[in-house]
Amino acid sequence: MVLEGLIFPAKAERKPWELFFLGALYASIGMILALWIFRSEASMIMVLLTVVACLPLVYRTFKREEKKDTLINEERTLLREHGKALKFLMYLFFGFIVAYAVWFVFLPESLASSLFKVQATTINQINSKIIGNTINDNVLFQIFFNNLRVLFFAILFAFFYGAGAIFILTWNASVIGVAIGGFAKDKISHLGSYFFSIPLAIGRYMTHGIFEILAYFVGGLAGGIISVAIINHDINSDKFKVIMRDSLDLILLSIILLVIAALVEVFITPIIFS
């Protein structure tokens, strides 16, 4: 109950930057407890414990955003209000990523390999599907449709489990964190400096990753709003129709963000960090 009650949506909207540190705290405590109690399955248990810690915040956020849909009629104003929630959720997610990356870099090699073994396997599987560094349409579409699949599950989990999208997003944060950590380790061996290597690694993945992450949160928010609306409103009511229209707008926005993310990942990121 201590971790779950550290912050509420209203305060998070006022001080979104605090969620970065809260995210890092949640992820770090989850890792420590997973290593201590469930060492052999720590890769997934740490994600689960992190999710448990932030579930109340995410669920309250979905309820708060659904209520805004019933009170605000102007679409631009509504999107701006949703933006407040998305902002602090993004900070929370970045806290997860940085914590996972830093732990991956600084933990002893054997311990890091054990703790993040499932994430490392996932990264290897993703990399094996994209052969070479050739920039072509196949890679572009492959990246886009892979990200679209993640978006689909984020919406699906949010719809069926309310705040369930946070599980998909936290899992992705752990994978991204390991990818960043691996890149940083490689650069440390060349540059010999943590000070330059870790920010460089974060920049390498966040250049396009920020669009992907935002897309997943926008989609998850849409799914969560629909889920709450179905519980609270008659599906034939005018309010429900307004909520559905807003949610569909959010889903469309998330797809557009994924298109941008794929274009940046294929055409811009390799140029900057080649």
C-alpha atoms as a PDB file:
ATOM      1  CA  MET A   1       0.000   0.000   0.000  1.00  0.00           C
ATOM      2  CA  VAL A   2       2.922   2.380   0.593  1.00  0.00           C
ATOM      3  CA  LEU A   3       4.148   2.371  -3.013  1.00  0.00           C
ATOM      4  CA  GLU A   4       0.630   2.392  -4.451  1.00  0.00           C
ATOM      5  CA  GLY A   5      -0.367   5.497  -2.513  1.00  0.00           C
ATOM      6  CA  LEU A   6       2.645   7.706  -3.164  1.00  0.00           C
ATOM      7  CA  ILE A   7       0.903   9.811  -5.814  1.00  0.00           C
ATOM      8  CA  PHE A   8      -2.507  10.443  -7.368  1.00  0.00           C
ATOM      9  CA  PRO A   9      -3.447  11.634 -10.878  1.00  0.00           C
ATOM     10  CA  ALA A  10      -4.281  15.199  -9.825  1.00  0.00           C
ATOM     11  CA  LYS A  11      -0.865  15.706  -8.243  1.00  0.00           C
ATOM     12  CA  ALA A  12       0.829  13.874 -11.106  1.00  0.00           C
ATOM     13  CA  GLU A  13      -0.670  16.341 -13.574  1.00  0.00           C
ATOM     14  CA  ARG A  14       0.706  19.252 -11.547  1.00  0.00           C
ATOM     15  CA  LYS A  15       4.187  17.769 -11.118  1.00  0.00           C
ATOM     16  CA  PRO A  16       4.695  15.253 -13.938  1.00  0.00           C
ATOM     17  CA  TRP A  17       8.493  15.212 -13.561  1.00  0.00           C
ATOM     18  CA  GLU A  18       8.125  13.522 -10.173  1.00  0.00           C
ATOM     19  CA  LEU A  19       6.819  10.455 -11.979  1.00  0.00           C
ATOM     20  CA  PHE A  20      10.255   9.902 -13.520  1.00  0.00           C
ATOM     21  CA  PHE A  21      11.768   9.315 -10.097  1.00  0.00           C
ATOM     22  CA  LEU A  22       8.743   7.330  -8.986  1.00  0.00           C
ATOM     23  CA  GLY A  23       9.070   5.106 -12.048  1.00  0.00           C
ATOM     24  CA  ALA A  24      12.743   4.513 -11.328  1.00  0.00           C
ATOM     25  CA  LEU A  25      11.852   3.698  -7.712  1.00  0.00           C
ATOM     26  CA  TYR A  26       9.101   1.252  -8.685  1.00  0.00           C
ATOM     27  CA  ALA A  27      11.353  -0.527 -11.190  1.00  0.00           C
ATOM     28  CA  SER A  28      14.305  -0.696  -8.795  1.00  0.00           C
ATOM     29  CA  ILE A  29      12.287  -2.068  -5.889  1.00  0.00           C
ATOM     30  CA  GLY A  30      10.678  -4.585  -8.233  1.00  0.00           C
ATOM     31  CA  MET A  31      14.108  -5.769  -9.384  1.00  0.00           C
ATOM     32  CA  ILE A  32      15.491  -6.064  -5.870  1.00  0.00           C
ATOM     33  CA  LEU A  33      12.494  -8.030  -4.603  1.00  0.00           C
ATOM     34  CA  ALA A  34      12.461 -10.261  -7.681  1.00  0.00           C
ATOM     35  CA  LEU A  35      16.143 -11.098  -7.240  1.00  0.00           C
ATOM     36  CA  TRP A  36      15.697 -11.686  -3.544  1.00  0.00           C
ATOM     37  CA  ILE A  37      12.565 -13.837  -3.597  1.00  0.00           C
ATOM     38  CA  PHE A  38      12.097 -15.174  -7.150  1.00  0.00           C
ATOM     39  CA  ARG A  39      15.651 -15.253  -8.457  1.00  0.00           C
ATOM     40  CA  SER A  40      15.130 -17.929 -11.116  1.00  0.00           C
ATOM     41  CA  GLU A  41      12.150 -16.075 -12.615  1.00  0.00           C
ATOM     42  CA  ALA A  42      13.292 -12.546 -11.844  1.00  0.00           C
ATOM     43  CA  SER A  43      13.082 -11.360 -15.472  1.00  0.00           C
ATOM     44  CA  MET A  44       9.297 -11.471 -15.467  1.00  0.00           C
ATOM     45  CA  ILE A  45       8.581 -11.108 -11.755  1.00  0.00           C
ATOM     46  CA  MET A  46      10.334  -7.725 -11.620  1.00  0.00           C
ATOM     47  CA  VAL A  47       8.022  -6.504 -14.394  1.00  0.00           C
ATOM     48  CA  LEU A  48       4.982  -7.846 -12.560  1.00  0.00           C
ATOM     49  CA  LEU A  49       5.976  -6.192  -9.277  1.00  0.00           C
ATOM     50  CA  THR A  50       6.545  -2.884 -11.046  1.00  0.00           C
ATOM     51  CA  VAL A  51       3.109  -3.160 -12.627  1.00  0.00           C
ATOM     52  CA  VAL A  52       1.466  -3.924  -9.284  1.00  0.00           C
ATOM     53  CA  ALA A  53       3.019  -0.799  -7.778  1.00  0.00           C
ATOM     54  CA  CYS A  54       1.667   1.567 -10.427  1.00  0.00           C
ATOM     55  CA  LEU A  55      -1.674  -0.105 -11.233  1.00  0.00           C
ATOM     56  CA  PRO A  56      -3.742   2.072  -8.865  1.00  0.00           C
ATOM     57  CA  LEU A  57      -2.323   5.250 -10.389  1.00  0.00           C
ATOM     58  CA  VAL A  58      -2.978   4.088 -13.941  1.00  0.00           C
ATOM     59  CA  TYR A  59      -6.506   2.897 -13.199  1.00  0.00           C
ATOM     60  CA  ARG A  60      -7.396   6.145 -11.424  1.00  0.00           C
ATOM     61  CA  THR A  61      -5.983   8.002 -14.415  1.00  0.00           C
ATOM     62  CA  PHE A  62      -8.205   6.091 -16.840  1.00  0.00           C
ATOM     63  CA  LYS A  63     -11.252   6.850 -14.694  1.00  0.00           C
ATOM     64  CA  ARG A  64     -10.280  10.509 -14.501  1.00  0.00           C
ATOM     65  CA  GLU A  65      -9.813  10.757 -18.271  1.00  0.00           C
ATOM     66  CA  GLU A  66     -13.114   8.996 -18.936  1.00  0.00           C
ATOM     67  CA  LYS A  67     -14.845  11.532 -16.715  1.00  0.00           C
ATOM     68  CA  LYS A  68     -13.270  14.353 -18.708  1.00  0.00           C
ATOM     69  CA  ASP A  69     -14.869  12.871 -21.824  1.00  0.00           C
ATOM     70  CA  THR A  70     -18.304  13.334 -20.278  1.00  0.00           C
ATOM     71  CA  LEU A  71     -17.643  16.904 -19.127  1.00  0.00           C
ATOM     72  CA  ILE A  72     -15.720  18.412 -22.051  1.00  0.00           C
ATOM     73  CA  ASN A  73     -17.296  18.714 -25.486  1.00  0.00           C
ATOM     74  CA  GLU A  74     -14.608  20.609 -27.394  1.00  0.00           C
ATOM     75  CA  GLU A  75     -12.262  18.087 -29.018  1.00  0.00           C
ATOM     76  CA  ARG A  76      -9.147  20.242 -28.902  1.00  0.00           C
ATOM     77  CA  THR A  77      -9.638  21.002 -25.223  1.00  0.00           C
ATOM     78  CA  LEU A  78     -10.220  17.333 -24.521  1.00  0.00           C
ATOM     79  CA  LEU A  79      -7.015  16.302 -26.278  1.00  0.00           C
ATOM     80  CA  ARG A  80      -5.133  18.930 -24.307  1.00  0.00           C
ATOM     81  CA  GLU A  81      -6.548  17.502 -21.084  1.00  0.00           C
ATOM     82  CA  HIS A  82      -5.581  13.967 -22.114  1.00  0.00           C
ATOM     83  CA  GLY A  83      -2.136  15.345 -22.850  1.00  0.00           C
ATOM     84  CA  LYS A  84      -1.641  16.116 -19.163  1.00  0.00           C
ATOM     85  CA  ALA A  85      -2.142  12.467 -18.267  1.00  0.00           C
ATOM     86  CA  LEU A  86       0.020  11.267 -21.132  1.00  0.00           C
ATOM     87  CA  LYS A  87       2.796  13.578 -20.013  1.00  0.00           C
ATOM     88  CA  PHE A  88       3.121  12.153 -16.522  1.00  0.00           C
ATOM     89  CA  LEU A  89       2.685   8.588 -17.779  1.00  0.00           C
ATOM     90  CA  MET A  90       5.566   9.182 -20.183  1.00  0.00           C
ATOM     91  CA  TYR A  91       7.724  10.396 -17.305  1.00  0.00           C
ATOM     92  CA  LEU A  92       6.782   7.250 -15.387  1.00  0.00           C
ATOM     93  CA  PHE A  93       7.777   5.099 -18.344  1.00  0.00           C
ATOM     94  CA  PHE A  94      11.097   6.899 -18.811  1.00  0.00           C
ATOM     95  CA  GLY A  95      11.804   6.259 -15.159  1.00  0.00           C
ATOM     96  CA  PHE A  96      11.322   2.544 -15.803  1.00  0.00           C
ATOM     97  CA  ILE A  97      13.605   2.616 -18.839  1.00  0.00           C
ATOM     98  CA  VAL A  98      16.440   4.513 -17.182  1.00  0.00           C
ATOM     99  CA  ALA A  99      16.305   2.317 -14.081  1.00  0.00           C
ATOM    100  CA  TYR A 100      16.447  -0.892 -16.123  1.00  0.00           C
ATOM    101  CA  ALA A 101      19.249   0.477 -18.302  1.00  0.00           C
ATOM    102  CA  VAL A 102      21.358   1.689 -15.378  1.00  0.00           C
ATOM    103  CA  TRP A 103      20.948  -1.571 -13.469  1.00  0.00           C
ATOM    104  CA  PHE A 104      21.871  -3.531 -16.593  1.00  0.00           C
ATOM    105  CA  VAL A 105      25.047  -1.485 -17.037  1.00  0.00           C
ATOM    106  CA  PHE A 106      26.257  -1.460 -13.433  1.00  0.00           C
ATOM    107  CA  LEU A 107      25.270  -4.890 -12.162  1.00  0.00           C
ATOM    108  CA  PRO A 108      27.920  -7.618 -12.424  1.00  0.00           C
ATOM    109  CA  GLU A 109      27.759  -9.303 -15.817  1.00  0.00           C
ATOM    110  CA  SER A 110      26.573 -12.661 -14.505  1.00  0.00           C
ATOM    111  CA  LEU A 111      23.846 -11.087 -12.379  1.00  0.00           C
ATOM    112  CA  ALA A 112      22.653  -8.791 -15.175  1.00  0.00           C
ATOM    113  CA  SER A 113      22.513 -11.712 -17.609  1.00  0.00           C
ATOM    114  CA  SER A 114      20.403 -13.702 -15.164  1.00  0.00           C
ATOM    115  CA  LEU A 115      18.109 -10.835 -14.217  1.00  0.00           C
ATOM    116  CA  PHE A 116      17.437  -9.726 -17.793  1.00  0.00           C
ATOM    117  CA  LYS A 117      17.706 -13.052 -19.619  1.00  0.00           C
ATOM    118  CA  VAL A 118      14.167 -13.003 -21.058  1.00  0.00           C
ATOM    119  CA  GLN A 119      14.574  -9.408 -22.233  1.00  0.00           C
ATOM    120  CA  ALA A 120      17.916 -10.235 -23.871  1.00  0.00           C
ATOM    121  CA  THR A 121      16.350 -13.207 -25.646  1.00  0.00           C
ATOM    122  CA  THR A 122      13.547 -10.991 -26.935  1.00  0.00           C
ATOM    123  CA  ILE A 123      16.042  -8.450 -28.282  1.00  0.00           C
ATOM    124  CA  ASN A 124      17.982 -11.189 -30.069  1.00  0.00           C
ATOM    125  CA  GLN A 125      14.781 -12.488 -31.643  1.00  0.00           C
ATOM    126  CA  ILE A 126      13.843  -9.011 -32.867  1.00  0.00           C
ATOM    127  CA  ASN A 127      17.313  -8.380 -34.267  1.00  0.00           C
ATOM    128  CA  SER A 128      17.376 -11.734 -36.051  1.00  0.00           C
ATOM    129  CA  LYS A 129      14.305 -10.723 -38.040  1.00  0.00           C
ATOM    130  CA  ILE A 130      15.991  -7.604 -39.371  1.00  0.00           C
ATOM    131  CA  ILE A 131      19.092  -8.703 -41.234  1.00  0.00           C
ATOM    132  CA  GLY A 132      21.744  -6.115 -41.936  1.00  0.00           C
ATOM    133  CA  ASN A 133      21.435  -2.348 -41.889  1.00  0.00           C
ATOM    134  CA  THR A 134      19.938  -1.857 -45.333  1.00  0.00           C
ATOM    135  CA  ILE A 135      17.315   0.857 -45.416  1.00  0.00           C
ATOM    136  CA  ASN A 136      14.395  -0.442 -47.427  1.00  0.00           C
ATOM    137  CA  ASP A 137      10.645  -0.673 -47.479  1.00  0.00           C
ATOM    138  CA  ASN A 138      10.646  -4.202 -46.051  1.00  0.00           C
ATOM    139  CA  VAL A 139      12.423  -3.089 -42.887  1.00  0.00           C
ATOM    140  CA  LEU A 140      10.152  -0.060 -42.602  1.00  0.00           C
ATOM    141  CA  PHE A 141       6.982  -2.121 -42.820  1.00  0.00           C
ATOM    142  CA  GLN A 142       8.404  -4.818 -40.569  1.00  0.00           C
ATOM    143  CA  ILE A 143       9.148  -2.294 -37.840  1.00  0.00           C
ATOM    144  CA  PHE A 144       5.785  -0.582 -38.274  1.00  0.00           C
ATOM    145  CA  PHE A 145       3.733  -3.770 -38.115  1.00  0.00           C
ATOM    146  CA  ASN A 146       5.715  -5.072 -35.147  1.00  0.00           C
ATOM    147  CA  ASN A 147       4.981  -1.822 -33.305  1.00  0.00           C
ATOM    148  CA  LEU A 148       1.361  -1.977 -34.454  1.00  0.00           C
ATOM    149  CA  ARG A 149       1.087  -5.414 -32.876  1.00  0.00           C
ATOM    150  CA  VAL A 150       2.343  -4.006 -29.566  1.00  0.00           C
ATOM    151  CA  LEU A 151      -0.183  -1.173 -29.853  1.00  0.00           C
ATOM    152  CA  PHE A 152      -2.968  -3.678 -30.472  1.00  0.00           C
ATOM    153  CA  PHE A 153      -2.087  -5.589 -27.313  1.00  0.00           C
ATOM    154  CA  ALA A 154      -1.806  -2.363 -25.314  1.00  0.00           C
ATOM    155  CA  ILE A 155      -5.346  -1.418 -26.358  1.00  0.00           C
ATOM    156  CA  LEU A 156      -6.614  -4.963 -25.820  1.00  0.00           C
ATOM    157  CA  PHE A 157      -5.126  -5.296 -22.343  1.00  0.00           C
ATOM    158  CA  ALA A 158      -6.407  -1.849 -21.371  1.00  0.00           C
ATOM    159  CA  PHE A 159      -9.882  -2.763 -22.582  1.00  0.00           C
ATOM    160  CA  PHE A 160     -10.164  -6.139 -20.855  1.00  0.00           C
ATOM    161  CA  TYR A 161      -8.140  -5.413 -17.730  1.00  0.00           C
ATOM    162  CA  GLY A 162      -8.657  -1.680 -17.284  1.00  0.00           C
ATOM    163  CA  ALA A 163      -5.109  -0.641 -16.483  1.00  0.00           C
ATOM    164  CA  GLY A 164      -3.736  -3.858 -17.984  1.00  0.00           C
ATOM    165  CA  ALA A 165      -1.915  -1.966 -20.730  1.00  0.00           C
ATOM    166  CA  ILE A 166       0.683  -0.994 -18.149  1.00  0.00           C
ATOM    167  CA  PHE A 167       1.909  -4.598 -18.168  1.00  0.00           C
ATOM    168  CA  ILE A 168       2.649  -4.462 -21.907  1.00  0.00           C
ATOM    169  CA  LEU A 169       4.257  -1.046 -21.515  1.00  0.00           C
ATOM    170  CA  THR A 170       6.372  -2.022 -18.513  1.00  0.00           C
ATOM    171  CA  TRP A 171       7.551  -5.139 -20.306  1.00  0.00           C
ATOM    172  CA  ASN A 172       8.547  -2.978 -23.277  1.00  0.00           C
ATOM    173  CA  ALA A 173      10.317  -0.590 -20.921  1.00  0.00           C
ATOM    174  CA  SER A 174      12.405  -3.468 -19.592  1.00  0.00           C
ATOM    175  CA  VAL A 175      13.307  -4.585 -23.124  1.00  0.00           C
ATOM    176  CA  ILE A 176      14.197  -1.041 -24.186  1.00  0.00           C
ATOM    177  CA  GLY A 177      16.202  -0.574 -20.998  1.00  0.00           C
ATOM    178  CA  VAL A 178      18.258  -3.688 -21.727  1.00  0.00           C
ATOM    179  CA  ALA A 179      18.774  -2.575 -25.332  1.00  0.00           C
ATOM    180  CA  ILE A 180      19.979   0.819 -24.109  1.00  0.00           C
ATOM    181  CA  GLY A 181      22.188  -0.824 -21.499  1.00  0.00           C
ATOM    182  CA  GLY A 182      23.727  -3.153 -24.070  1.00  0.00           C
ATOM    183  CA  PHE A 183      24.435  -0.274 -26.434  1.00  0.00           C
ATOM    184  CA  ALA A 184      25.928   1.737 -23.565  1.00  0.00           C
ATOM    185  CA  LYS A 185      28.217  -1.139 -22.566  1.00  0.00           C
ATOM    186  CA  ASP A 186      29.461  -1.401 -26.129  1.00  0.00           C
ATOM    187  CA  LYS A 187      30.174   2.327 -26.273  1.00  0.00           C
ATOM    188  CA  ILE A 188      31.851   2.296 -22.860  1.00  0.00           C
ATOM    189  CA  SER A 189      34.396  -0.173 -24.213  1.00  0.00           C
ATOM    190  CA  HIS A 190      35.187   2.323 -26.993  1.00  0.00           C
ATOM    191  CA  LEU A 191      34.736   5.668 -25.268  1.00  0.00           C
ATOM    192  CA  GLY A 192      35.800   4.578 -21.797  1.00  0.00           C
ATOM    193  CA  SER A 193      33.251   6.853 -20.126  1.00  0.00           C
ATOM    194  CA  TYR A 194      29.891   6.200 -18.504  1.00  0.00           C
ATOM    195  CA  PHE A 195      29.169   9.926 -18.621  1.00  0.00           C
ATOM    196  CA  PHE A 196      29.002   9.961 -22.425  1.00  0.00           C
ATOM    197  CA  SER A 197      28.002   6.379 -23.168  1.00  0.00           C
ATOM    198  CA  ILE A 198      24.740   6.135 -21.228  1.00  0.00           C
ATOM    199  CA  PRO A 199      23.214   9.428 -22.529  1.00  0.00           C
ATOM    200  CA  LEU A 200      24.342   8.447 -26.035  1.00  0.00           C
ATOM    201  CA  ALA A 201      22.607   5.088 -25.692  1.00  0.00           C
ATOM    202  CA  ILE A 202      19.424   6.716 -24.392  1.00  0.00           C
ATOM    203  CA  GLY A 203      19.466   9.151 -27.308  1.00  0.00           C
ATOM    204  CA  ARG A 204      20.023   6.288 -29.746  1.00  0.00           C
ATOM    205  CA  TYR A 205      16.816   4.551 -28.751  1.00  0.00           C
ATOM    206  CA  MET A 206      14.696   7.507 -27.705  1.00  0.00           C
ATOM    207  CA  THR A 207      15.084   9.357 -31.012  1.00  0.00           C
ATOM    208  CA  HIS A 208      12.380   7.131 -32.430  1.00  0.00           C
ATOM    209  CA  GLY A 209      11.327   5.445 -29.189  1.00  0.00           C
ATOM    210  CA  ILE A 210       9.613   8.530 -27.825  1.00  0.00           C
ATOM    211  CA  PHE A 211       7.059   8.340 -30.645  1.00  0.00           C
ATOM    212  CA  GLU A 212       6.515   4.613 -30.102  1.00  0.00           C
ATOM    213  CA  ILE A 213       6.070   4.987 -26.359  1.00  0.00           C
ATOM    214  CA  LEU A 214       3.675   7.885 -26.758  1.00  0.00           C
ATOM    215  CA  ALA A 215       1.682   5.861 -29.293  1.00  0.00           C
ATOM    216  CA  TYR A 216       1.350   2.946 -26.876  1.00  0.00           C
ATOM    217  CA  PHE A 217       0.199   5.214 -24.077  1.00  0.00           C
ATOM    218  CA  VAL A 218      -2.287   7.007 -26.324  1.00  0.00           C
ATOM    219  CA  GLY A 219      -3.688   3.661 -27.462  1.00  0.00           C
ATOM    220  CA  GLY A 220      -3.710   2.269 -23.937  1.00  0.00           C
ATOM    221  CA  LEU A 221      -5.496   5.379 -22.717  1.00  0.00           C
ATOM    222  CA  ALA A 222      -8.133   4.904 -25.420  1.00  0.00           C
ATOM    223  CA  GLY A 223      -8.669   1.272 -24.454  1.00  0.00           C
ATOM    224  CA  GLY A 224      -8.848   2.147 -20.776  1.00  0.00           C
ATOM    225  CA  ILE A 225     -11.359   4.934 -21.364  1.00  0.00           C
ATOM    226  CA  ILE A 226     -13.598   2.597 -23.372  1.00  0.00           C
ATOM    227  CA  SER A 227     -13.334  -0.039 -20.647  1.00  0.00           C
ATOM    228  CA  VAL A 228     -14.372   2.380 -17.908  1.00  0.00           C
ATOM    229  CA  ALA A 229     -17.121   3.844 -20.091  1.00  0.00           C
ATOM    230  CA  ILE A 230     -18.702   0.441 -20.740  1.00  0.00           C
ATOM    231  CA  ILE A 231     -18.906  -0.137 -16.995  1.00  0.00           C
ATOM    232  CA  ASN A 232     -20.270   3.312 -16.170  1.00  0.00           C
ATOM    233  CA  HIS A 233     -22.563   4.121 -19.089  1.00  0.00           C
ATOM    234  CA  ASP A 234     -25.288   2.611 -21.194  1.00  0.00           C
ATOM    235  CA  ILE A 235     -23.704   1.792 -24.547  1.00  0.00           C
ATOM    236  CA  ASN A 236     -26.681   3.398 -26.287  1.00  0.00           C
ATOM    237  CA  SER A 237     -26.332   6.717 -24.469  1.00  0.00           C
ATOM    238  CA  ASP A 238     -25.083   9.923 -26.074  1.00  0.00           C
ATOM    239  CA  LYS A 239     -22.262  10.145 -23.534  1.00  0.00           C
ATOM    240  CA  PHE A 240     -20.977   6.749 -24.575  1.00  0.00           C
ATOM    241  CA  LYS A 241     -20.991   7.795 -28.227  1.00  0.00           C
ATOM    242  CA  VAL A 242     -18.937  10.873 -27.365  1.00  0.00           C
ATOM    243  CA  ILE A 243     -16.464   8.729 -25.432  1.00  0.00           C
ATOM    244  CA  MET A 244     -16.179   6.256 -28.311  1.00  0.00           C
ATOM    245  CA  ARG A 245     -15.517   9.062 -30.782  1.00  0.00           C
ATOM    246  CA  ASP A 246     -12.800  10.472 -28.562  1.00  0.00           C
ATOM    247  CA  SER A 247     -11.255   7.024 -28.090  1.00  0.00           C
ATOM    248  CA  LEU A 248     -11.226   6.349 -31.825  1.00  0.00           C
ATOM    249  CA  ASP A 249      -9.495   9.692 -32.348  1.00  0.00           C
ATOM    250  CA  LEU A 250      -6.862   8.623 -29.825  1.00  0.00           C
ATOM    251  CA  ILE A 251      -6.353   5.279 -31.565  1.00  0.00           C
ATOM    252  CA  LEU A 252      -5.960   7.027 -34.918  1.00  0.00           C
ATOM    253  CA  LEU A 253      -3.440   9.396 -33.352  1.00  0.00           C
ATOM    254  CA  SER A 254      -1.493   6.451 -31.944  1.00  0.00           C
ATOM    255  CA  ILE A 255      -1.255   4.842 -35.392  1.00  0.00           C
ATOM    256  CA  ILE A 256       0.005   8.100 -36.894  1.00  0.00           C
ATOM    257  CA  LEU A 257       2.642   8.275 -34.159  1.00  0.00           C
ATOM    258  CA  LEU A 258       3.762   4.741 -35.022  1.00  0.00           C
ATOM    259  CA  VAL A 259       4.167   5.718 -38.673  1.00  0.00           C
ATOM    260  CA  ILE A 260       6.358   8.635 -37.592  1.00  0.00           C
ATOM    261  CA  ALA A 261       8.315   6.350 -35.248  1.00  0.00           C
ATOM    262  CA  ALA A 262       9.008   3.825 -38.002  1.00  0.00           C
ATOM    263  CA  LEU A 263      10.150   6.525 -40.425  1.00  0.00           C
ATOM    264  CA  VAL A 264      12.462   8.048 -37.823  1.00  0.00           C
ATOM    265  CA  GLU A 265      13.873   4.648 -36.831  1.00  0.00           C
ATOM    266  CA  VAL A 266      14.640   3.626 -40.408  1.00  0.00           C
ATOM    267  CA  PHE A 267      15.727   6.896 -41.993  1.00  0.00           C
ATOM    268  CA  ILE A 268      16.922   9.244 -39.237  1.00  0.00           C
ATOM    269  CA  THR A 269      18.265   7.256 -36.277  1.00  0.00           C
ATOM    270  CA  PRO A 270      20.866   5.340 -38.361  1.00  0.00           C
ATOM    271  CA  ILE A 271      22.180   8.608 -39.801  1.00  0.00           C
ATOM    272  CA  ILE A 272      22.576  10.264 -36.405  1.00  0.00           C
ATOM    273  CA  PHE A 273      24.040   7.263 -34.590  1.00  0.00           C
ATOM    274  CA  SER A 274      25.837   5.397 -37.367  1.00  0.00           C
END
